């Protein structure tokens, strides 16, 4: 996992979290950190080790997302650990019952995986659907959350 961040309005803000084992993809990036980013990285590690963490949204550059994507991401963020929702239910919640595919597209482009738990959104038939970390990672995350 790589956390891309920059200073925005005098505060460190997350631009993107990338899930990839291929560090060569990020070879042109500068390696640096700060206390707020370090804290979030430690929280993500604790989350992946089974701790129930509620991540702060104010560290994310949600303003870089479209208004619709922001609404979808906030809906996914509201899904509690150990629970799931569906693309269709989120679309209905947003008052756009015919927009399940658009919800899926918005989540596929989630720039903040883990912090915005899009892995908790599945298809209406109960199958996992896609995930930028791969379907195995999505299933592993869900299994880990359901055990606790």
N, C-alpha and C. Protein backbone atom coordinates (compact mmCIF):
# COMPACT_ATOMS: atom_id res chain seq x y z
N UNK A 1 0.85 -1.17 0.00
CA UNK A 1 0.00 0.00 0.00
C UNK A 1 0.89 1.24 0.00
N UNK A 2 0.49 2.22 -0.77
CA UNK A 2 1.20 3.49 -0.82
C UNK A 2 0.19 4.60 -0.57
N UNK A 3 0.54 5.54 0.30
CA UNK A 3 -0.32 6.68 0.58
C UNK A 3 0.28 7.90 -0.11
N UNK A 4 -0.46 8.46 -1.06
CA UNK A 4 -0.03 9.68 -1.74
C UNK A 4 -0.68 10.86 -1.03
N UNK A 5 0.12 11.83 -0.68
CA UNK A 5 -0.41 12.97 0.06
C UNK A 5 0.34 14.23 -0.33
N UNK A 6 -0.26 15.35 0.00
CA UNK A 6 0.40 16.64 -0.20
C UNK A 6 -0.18 17.60 0.83
N UNK A 7 0.45 18.75 0.92
CA UNK A 7 -0.06 19.78 1.82
C UNK A 7 -1.11 20.59 1.06
N UNK A 8 -2.27 20.71 1.65
CA UNK A 8 -3.38 21.44 1.05
C UNK A 8 -3.96 22.34 2.14
N UNK A 9 -3.96 23.64 1.88
CA UNK A 9 -4.43 24.60 2.88
C UNK A 9 -3.72 24.41 4.22
N UNK A 10 -2.43 24.25 4.14
CA UNK A 10 -1.52 24.14 5.28
C UNK A 10 -1.68 22.86 6.11
N UNK A 11 -2.39 21.88 5.57
CA UNK A 11 -2.59 20.61 6.27
C UNK A 11 -2.22 19.45 5.35
N UNK A 12 -1.63 18.39 5.89
CA UNK A 12 -1.39 17.21 5.05
C UNK A 12 -2.72 16.53 4.73
N UNK A 13 -2.92 16.23 3.46
CA UNK A 13 -4.16 15.60 3.01
C UNK A 13 -3.83 14.43 2.08
N UNK A 14 -4.61 13.37 2.20
CA UNK A 14 -4.44 12.19 1.36
C UNK A 14 -5.07 12.46 0.00
N UNK A 15 -4.29 12.21 -1.05
CA UNK A 15 -4.78 12.33 -2.42
C UNK A 15 -5.26 10.98 -2.92
N UNK A 16 -4.52 9.94 -2.54
CA UNK A 16 -4.84 8.59 -3.02
C UNK A 16 -4.13 7.57 -2.15
N UNK A 17 -4.79 6.44 -1.99
CA UNK A 17 -4.18 5.26 -1.38
C UNK A 17 -4.19 4.19 -2.45
N UNK A 18 -3.02 3.68 -2.78
CA UNK A 18 -2.91 2.68 -3.83
C UNK A 18 -2.60 1.32 -3.22
N UNK A 19 -3.35 0.33 -3.65
CA UNK A 19 -3.13 -1.04 -3.22
C UNK A 19 -2.38 -1.77 -4.32
N UNK A 20 -1.10 -1.98 -4.12
CA UNK A 20 -0.30 -2.68 -5.12
C UNK A 20 0.95 -3.22 -4.47
N UNK A 21 1.31 -4.43 -4.83
CA UNK A 21 2.55 -5.00 -4.36
C UNK A 21 3.73 -4.60 -5.23
N UNK A 22 3.46 -3.90 -6.33
CA UNK A 22 4.50 -3.54 -7.28
C UNK A 22 5.02 -2.14 -6.97
N UNK A 23 6.06 -2.04 -6.16
CA UNK A 23 6.58 -0.73 -5.77
C UNK A 23 7.24 0.00 -6.94
N UNK A 24 7.56 -0.69 -8.01
CA UNK A 24 8.13 -0.03 -9.19
C UNK A 24 7.14 0.98 -9.79
N UNK A 25 5.86 0.75 -9.56
CA UNK A 25 4.84 1.68 -10.06
C UNK A 25 5.01 3.06 -9.45
N UNK A 26 5.64 3.13 -8.28
CA UNK A 26 5.74 4.37 -7.54
C UNK A 26 7.17 4.89 -7.46
N UNK A 27 8.04 4.41 -8.33
CA UNK A 27 9.46 4.73 -8.23
C UNK A 27 9.78 6.21 -8.41
N UNK A 28 8.93 6.96 -9.10
CA UNK A 28 9.21 8.38 -9.30
C UNK A 28 8.67 9.26 -8.16
N UNK A 29 8.03 8.65 -7.18
CA UNK A 29 7.48 9.40 -6.05
C UNK A 29 8.55 9.66 -5.00
N UNK A 30 8.38 10.74 -4.27
CA UNK A 30 9.28 11.07 -3.17
C UNK A 30 8.78 10.37 -1.91
N UNK A 31 9.68 9.74 -1.19
CA UNK A 31 9.30 9.08 0.05
C UNK A 31 9.45 10.08 1.19
N UNK A 32 8.32 10.40 1.80
CA UNK A 32 8.32 11.32 2.94
C UNK A 32 7.07 11.08 3.76
N UNK A 33 7.05 11.63 4.94
CA UNK A 33 5.88 11.47 5.78
C UNK A 33 5.80 12.64 6.75
N UNK A 34 4.79 12.59 7.59
CA UNK A 34 4.59 13.58 8.65
C UNK A 34 3.75 12.89 9.71
N UNK A 35 3.62 13.46 10.89
CA UNK A 35 2.90 12.78 11.98
C UNK A 35 1.46 12.38 11.63
N UNK A 36 0.71 13.22 10.92
CA UNK A 36 -0.68 12.87 10.59
C UNK A 36 -0.76 11.70 9.63
N UNK A 37 0.15 11.68 8.66
CA UNK A 37 0.16 10.58 7.69
C UNK A 37 0.64 9.30 8.38
N UNK A 38 1.66 9.42 9.23
CA UNK A 38 2.14 8.26 9.99
C UNK A 38 1.03 7.68 10.85
N UNK A 39 0.25 8.55 11.48
CA UNK A 39 -0.86 8.10 12.34
C UNK A 39 -1.88 7.32 11.51
N UNK A 40 -2.23 7.84 10.34
CA UNK A 40 -3.19 7.14 9.49
C UNK A 40 -2.63 5.79 9.05
N UNK A 41 -1.36 5.75 8.67
CA UNK A 41 -0.73 4.49 8.25
C UNK A 41 -0.78 3.47 9.38
N UNK A 42 -0.54 3.91 10.62
CA UNK A 42 -0.61 3.01 11.77
C UNK A 42 -2.04 2.54 12.01
N UNK A 43 -3.01 3.43 11.80
CA UNK A 43 -4.42 3.05 11.95
C UNK A 43 -4.81 2.01 10.90
N UNK A 44 -4.34 2.19 9.67
CA UNK A 44 -4.64 1.21 8.62
C UNK A 44 -4.06 -0.14 8.98
N UNK A 45 -2.83 -0.15 9.48
CA UNK A 45 -2.20 -1.40 9.91
C UNK A 45 -3.00 -2.05 11.03
N UNK A 46 -3.43 -1.27 12.01
CA UNK A 46 -4.24 -1.80 13.11
C UNK A 46 -5.56 -2.35 12.58
N UNK A 47 -6.17 -1.65 11.64
CA UNK A 47 -7.41 -2.12 11.01
C UNK A 47 -7.20 -3.47 10.36
N UNK A 48 -6.12 -3.58 9.58
CA UNK A 48 -5.84 -4.83 8.87
C UNK A 48 -5.50 -5.97 9.83
N UNK A 49 -5.10 -5.62 11.04
CA UNK A 49 -4.82 -6.62 12.08
C UNK A 49 -6.03 -6.89 12.96
N UNK A 50 -7.21 -6.39 12.55
CA UNK A 50 -8.44 -6.75 13.24
C UNK A 50 -9.05 -5.71 14.15
N UNK A 51 -8.39 -4.58 14.33
CA UNK A 51 -8.94 -3.55 15.21
C UNK A 51 -10.05 -2.78 14.49
N UNK A 52 -11.10 -2.45 15.21
CA UNK A 52 -12.21 -1.69 14.64
C UNK A 52 -11.84 -0.20 14.67
N UNK A 53 -11.42 0.32 13.54
CA UNK A 53 -10.97 1.70 13.42
C UNK A 53 -11.99 2.49 12.60
N UNK A 54 -12.34 3.65 13.09
CA UNK A 54 -13.16 4.59 12.33
C UNK A 54 -12.20 5.68 11.86
N UNK A 55 -11.88 5.67 10.60
CA UNK A 55 -10.90 6.60 10.04
C UNK A 55 -11.49 8.00 9.91
N UNK A 56 -10.66 9.02 10.07
CA UNK A 56 -11.15 10.39 9.90
C UNK A 56 -11.30 10.71 8.40
N UNK A 57 -12.36 11.40 8.05
CA UNK A 57 -12.55 11.81 6.66
C UNK A 57 -11.85 13.14 6.36
N UNK A 58 -11.60 13.93 7.38
CA UNK A 58 -11.05 15.27 7.15
C UNK A 58 -9.61 15.26 6.65
N UNK A 59 -8.98 14.11 6.62
CA UNK A 59 -7.62 14.01 6.10
C UNK A 59 -7.61 13.67 4.60
N UNK A 60 -8.79 13.39 4.04
CA UNK A 60 -8.92 13.00 2.64
C UNK A 60 -9.26 14.18 1.74
N UNK A 61 -8.73 14.18 0.54
CA UNK A 61 -9.09 15.20 -0.46
C UNK A 61 -10.32 14.73 -1.24
N UNK A 62 -11.43 14.62 -0.54
CA UNK A 62 -12.69 14.23 -1.19
C UNK A 62 -13.11 15.23 -2.25
N UNK A 63 -12.66 16.47 -2.10
CA UNK A 63 -13.02 17.51 -3.06
C UNK A 63 -12.49 17.22 -4.47
N UNK A 64 -11.56 16.28 -4.60
CA UNK A 64 -11.04 15.89 -5.91
C UNK A 64 -11.98 14.93 -6.63
N UNK A 65 -12.98 14.43 -5.93
CA UNK A 65 -13.97 13.51 -6.49
C UNK A 65 -15.20 14.29 -6.95
N UNK A 66 -15.93 13.72 -7.90
CA UNK A 66 -17.18 14.36 -8.34
C UNK A 66 -18.17 14.36 -7.17
N UNK A 67 -19.19 15.19 -7.27
CA UNK A 67 -20.20 15.28 -6.22
C UNK A 67 -20.88 13.92 -6.04
N UNK A 68 -21.21 13.25 -7.15
CA UNK A 68 -21.84 11.94 -7.05
C UNK A 68 -20.91 10.94 -6.37
N UNK A 69 -19.64 10.92 -6.78
CA UNK A 69 -18.71 9.98 -6.16
C UNK A 69 -18.55 10.28 -4.66
N UNK A 70 -18.52 11.53 -4.29
CA UNK A 70 -18.43 11.88 -2.87
C UNK A 70 -19.62 11.29 -2.09
N UNK A 71 -20.81 11.39 -2.66
CA UNK A 71 -22.00 10.84 -2.00
C UNK A 71 -21.90 9.32 -1.87
N UNK A 72 -21.43 8.66 -2.91
CA UNK A 72 -21.27 7.21 -2.88
C UNK A 72 -20.22 6.82 -1.85
N UNK A 73 -19.10 7.52 -1.85
CA UNK A 73 -18.03 7.21 -0.90
C UNK A 73 -18.49 7.42 0.54
N UNK A 74 -19.24 8.47 0.78
CA UNK A 74 -19.76 8.70 2.14
C UNK A 74 -20.75 7.61 2.55
N UNK A 75 -21.55 7.12 1.59
CA UNK A 75 -22.48 6.03 1.89
C UNK A 75 -21.70 4.75 2.23
N UNK A 76 -20.65 4.46 1.49
CA UNK A 76 -19.83 3.28 1.78
C UNK A 76 -19.12 3.44 3.13
N UNK A 77 -18.68 4.65 3.42
CA UNK A 77 -18.01 4.94 4.69
C UNK A 77 -18.93 4.64 5.88
N UNK A 78 -20.23 4.81 5.69
CA UNK A 78 -21.20 4.62 6.77
C UNK A 78 -21.50 3.15 7.07
N UNK A 79 -21.05 2.23 6.23
CA UNK A 79 -21.32 0.81 6.45
C UNK A 79 -20.43 0.33 7.60
N UNK A 80 -21.02 -0.18 8.67
CA UNK A 80 -20.21 -0.61 9.83
C UNK A 80 -19.37 -1.85 9.53
N UNK A 81 -18.28 -1.98 10.23
CA UNK A 81 -17.42 -3.16 10.14
C UNK A 81 -18.26 -4.41 10.41
N UNK A 82 -18.04 -5.43 9.61
CA UNK A 82 -18.76 -6.69 9.77
C UNK A 82 -20.10 -6.72 9.06
N UNK A 83 -20.45 -5.64 8.37
CA UNK A 83 -21.72 -5.56 7.63
C UNK A 83 -21.41 -5.28 6.17
N UNK A 84 -22.36 -5.56 5.30
CA UNK A 84 -22.22 -5.24 3.89
C UNK A 84 -23.48 -4.54 3.40
N UNK A 85 -23.35 -3.90 2.26
CA UNK A 85 -24.48 -3.34 1.55
C UNK A 85 -24.31 -3.73 0.09
N UNK A 86 -25.25 -3.31 -0.74
CA UNK A 86 -25.15 -3.63 -2.16
C UNK A 86 -25.09 -2.33 -2.97
N UNK A 87 -24.61 -2.47 -4.19
CA UNK A 87 -24.58 -1.33 -5.10
C UNK A 87 -25.99 -0.77 -5.27
N UNK A 88 -26.96 -1.68 -5.39
CA UNK A 88 -28.36 -1.28 -5.58
C UNK A 88 -28.90 -0.54 -4.36
N UNK A 89 -28.62 -1.02 -3.17
CA UNK A 89 -29.11 -0.35 -1.96
C UNK A 89 -28.51 1.04 -1.80
N UNK A 90 -27.25 1.19 -2.15
CA UNK A 90 -26.64 2.51 -2.08
C UNK A 90 -27.28 3.44 -3.10
N UNK A 91 -27.53 2.94 -4.30
CA UNK A 91 -28.19 3.76 -5.32
C UNK A 91 -29.56 4.22 -4.82
N UNK A 92 -30.33 3.32 -4.23
CA UNK A 92 -31.65 3.68 -3.69
C UNK A 92 -31.50 4.70 -2.56
N UNK A 93 -30.53 4.49 -1.69
CA UNK A 93 -30.28 5.43 -0.58
C UNK A 93 -30.00 6.84 -1.10
N UNK A 94 -29.34 6.91 -2.25
CA UNK A 94 -29.00 8.21 -2.84
C UNK A 94 -30.14 8.78 -3.69
N UNK A 95 -31.28 8.05 -3.74
CA UNK A 95 -32.42 8.52 -4.51
C UNK A 95 -32.27 8.30 -6.00
N UNK A 96 -31.42 7.36 -6.38
CA UNK A 96 -31.15 7.07 -7.79
C UNK A 96 -31.23 5.56 -7.99
N UNK A 97 -32.42 5.01 -7.84
CA UNK A 97 -32.59 3.55 -7.80
C UNK A 97 -32.11 2.84 -9.07
N UNK A 98 -31.99 3.53 -10.18
CA UNK A 98 -31.52 2.90 -11.41
C UNK A 98 -30.02 3.08 -11.62
N UNK A 99 -29.32 3.53 -10.60
CA UNK A 99 -27.90 3.88 -10.76
C UNK A 99 -26.92 2.92 -10.09
N UNK A 100 -27.31 1.64 -9.96
CA UNK A 100 -26.42 0.68 -9.30
C UNK A 100 -25.08 0.58 -10.02
N UNK A 101 -25.08 0.60 -11.36
CA UNK A 101 -23.82 0.53 -12.10
C UNK A 101 -22.97 1.78 -11.88
N UNK A 102 -23.62 2.92 -11.81
CA UNK A 102 -22.89 4.17 -11.55
C UNK A 102 -22.26 4.13 -10.16
N UNK A 103 -22.97 3.55 -9.20
CA UNK A 103 -22.41 3.38 -7.86
C UNK A 103 -21.18 2.48 -7.94
N UNK A 104 -21.28 1.39 -8.69
CA UNK A 104 -20.14 0.49 -8.86
C UNK A 104 -18.96 1.19 -9.50
N UNK A 105 -19.22 2.02 -10.49
CA UNK A 105 -18.16 2.77 -11.15
C UNK A 105 -17.51 3.76 -10.19
N UNK A 106 -18.32 4.44 -9.40
CA UNK A 106 -17.79 5.39 -8.41
C UNK A 106 -16.91 4.68 -7.39
N UNK A 107 -17.33 3.49 -6.97
CA UNK A 107 -16.54 2.74 -6.00
C UNK A 107 -15.29 2.13 -6.63
N UNK A 108 -15.37 1.77 -7.90
CA UNK A 108 -14.20 1.23 -8.60
C UNK A 108 -13.09 2.27 -8.66
N UNK A 109 -13.48 3.54 -8.68
CA UNK A 109 -12.51 4.62 -8.70
C UNK A 109 -12.23 5.22 -7.33
N UNK A 110 -12.61 4.51 -6.27
CA UNK A 110 -12.40 4.99 -4.90
C UNK A 110 -10.91 5.27 -4.69
N UNK A 111 -10.53 6.53 -4.50
CA UNK A 111 -9.11 6.82 -4.29
C UNK A 111 -8.62 6.53 -2.87
N UNK A 112 -9.52 6.09 -1.99
CA UNK A 112 -9.17 5.90 -0.58
C UNK A 112 -9.58 4.53 -0.04
N UNK A 113 -9.18 3.43 -0.73
CA UNK A 113 -9.60 2.11 -0.23
C UNK A 113 -9.09 1.89 1.19
N UNK A 114 -9.77 1.06 1.90
CA UNK A 114 -9.59 0.74 3.31
C UNK A 114 -10.18 1.88 4.16
N UNK A 115 -9.73 3.12 3.97
CA UNK A 115 -10.28 4.25 4.74
C UNK A 115 -11.76 4.42 4.40
N UNK A 116 -12.08 4.40 3.11
CA UNK A 116 -13.48 4.33 2.65
C UNK A 116 -13.68 2.86 2.31
N UNK A 117 -14.41 2.11 3.13
CA UNK A 117 -14.45 0.65 3.00
C UNK A 117 -15.35 0.15 1.87
N UNK A 118 -14.94 0.43 0.64
CA UNK A 118 -15.74 -0.01 -0.51
C UNK A 118 -15.77 -1.53 -0.63
N UNK A 119 -14.86 -2.22 0.09
CA UNK A 119 -14.90 -3.68 0.08
C UNK A 119 -16.17 -4.21 0.74
N UNK A 120 -16.89 -3.36 1.46
CA UNK A 120 -18.13 -3.78 2.13
C UNK A 120 -19.35 -3.69 1.22
N UNK A 121 -19.14 -3.33 -0.03
CA UNK A 121 -20.25 -3.23 -0.99
C UNK A 121 -20.15 -4.42 -1.94
N UNK A 122 -21.25 -5.17 -2.02
CA UNK A 122 -21.28 -6.38 -2.83
C UNK A 122 -22.44 -6.31 -3.83
N UNK A 123 -22.49 -7.29 -4.69
CA UNK A 123 -23.59 -7.37 -5.66
C UNK A 123 -24.86 -7.86 -4.97
N UNK A 124 -26.00 -7.57 -5.58
CA UNK A 124 -27.30 -7.96 -5.02
C UNK A 124 -27.44 -9.47 -4.90
N UNK A 125 -26.74 -10.23 -5.75
CA UNK A 125 -26.83 -11.69 -5.69
C UNK A 125 -25.92 -12.29 -4.61
N UNK A 126 -25.23 -11.42 -3.86
CA UNK A 126 -24.36 -11.89 -2.79
C UNK A 126 -22.92 -12.13 -3.20
N UNK A 127 -22.63 -12.06 -4.49
CA UNK A 127 -21.25 -12.23 -4.93
C UNK A 127 -20.47 -10.95 -4.65
N UNK A 128 -19.15 -11.06 -4.53
CA UNK A 128 -18.38 -9.90 -4.06
C UNK A 128 -18.31 -8.72 -5.01
N UNK A 129 -18.31 -8.95 -6.30
CA UNK A 129 -18.09 -7.82 -7.21
C UNK A 129 -16.61 -7.49 -7.27
N UNK A 130 -16.26 -6.44 -7.95
CA UNK A 130 -14.86 -6.09 -8.15
C UNK A 130 -14.25 -5.35 -6.98
N UNK A 131 -12.91 -5.26 -7.02
CA UNK A 131 -12.17 -4.52 -6.01
C UNK A 131 -10.80 -4.21 -6.58
N UNK A 132 -10.33 -3.00 -6.37
CA UNK A 132 -9.05 -2.61 -6.96
C UNK A 132 -7.87 -3.40 -6.43
N UNK A 133 -8.00 -3.99 -5.26
CA UNK A 133 -6.95 -4.86 -4.73
C UNK A 133 -7.13 -6.30 -5.17
N UNK A 134 -8.16 -6.55 -5.98
CA UNK A 134 -8.47 -7.90 -6.46
C UNK A 134 -9.57 -8.54 -5.64
N UNK A 135 -10.30 -9.45 -6.26
CA UNK A 135 -11.44 -10.06 -5.57
C UNK A 135 -11.00 -10.90 -4.36
N UNK A 136 -9.82 -11.51 -4.42
CA UNK A 136 -9.34 -12.27 -3.27
C UNK A 136 -9.12 -11.36 -2.07
N UNK A 137 -8.53 -10.18 -2.30
CA UNK A 137 -8.32 -9.24 -1.21
C UNK A 137 -9.66 -8.80 -0.62
N UNK A 138 -10.63 -8.54 -1.49
CA UNK A 138 -11.95 -8.12 -1.02
C UNK A 138 -12.57 -9.21 -0.14
N UNK A 139 -12.52 -10.44 -0.60
CA UNK A 139 -13.08 -11.55 0.17
C UNK A 139 -12.33 -11.74 1.48
N UNK A 140 -11.00 -11.60 1.46
CA UNK A 140 -10.21 -11.73 2.70
C UNK A 140 -10.58 -10.64 3.70
N UNK A 141 -10.73 -9.40 3.23
CA UNK A 141 -11.12 -8.30 4.12
C UNK A 141 -12.48 -8.55 4.74
N UNK A 142 -13.43 -8.99 3.92
CA UNK A 142 -14.78 -9.26 4.44
C UNK A 142 -14.77 -10.42 5.44
N UNK A 143 -14.04 -11.49 5.12
CA UNK A 143 -13.95 -12.63 6.04
C UNK A 143 -13.36 -12.20 7.38
N UNK A 144 -12.31 -11.43 7.31
CA UNK A 144 -11.63 -10.97 8.53
C UNK A 144 -12.59 -10.13 9.39
N UNK A 145 -13.37 -9.27 8.74
CA UNK A 145 -14.31 -8.42 9.49
C UNK A 145 -15.46 -9.23 10.06
N UNK A 146 -15.94 -10.23 9.34
CA UNK A 146 -17.07 -11.00 9.81
C UNK A 146 -16.70 -11.91 10.97
N UNK A 147 -15.43 -12.29 11.08
CA UNK A 147 -14.98 -13.15 12.19
C UNK A 147 -15.00 -12.42 13.52
N UNK A 148 -14.94 -11.12 13.49
CA UNK A 148 -14.82 -10.34 14.74
C UNK A 148 -16.14 -9.73 15.16
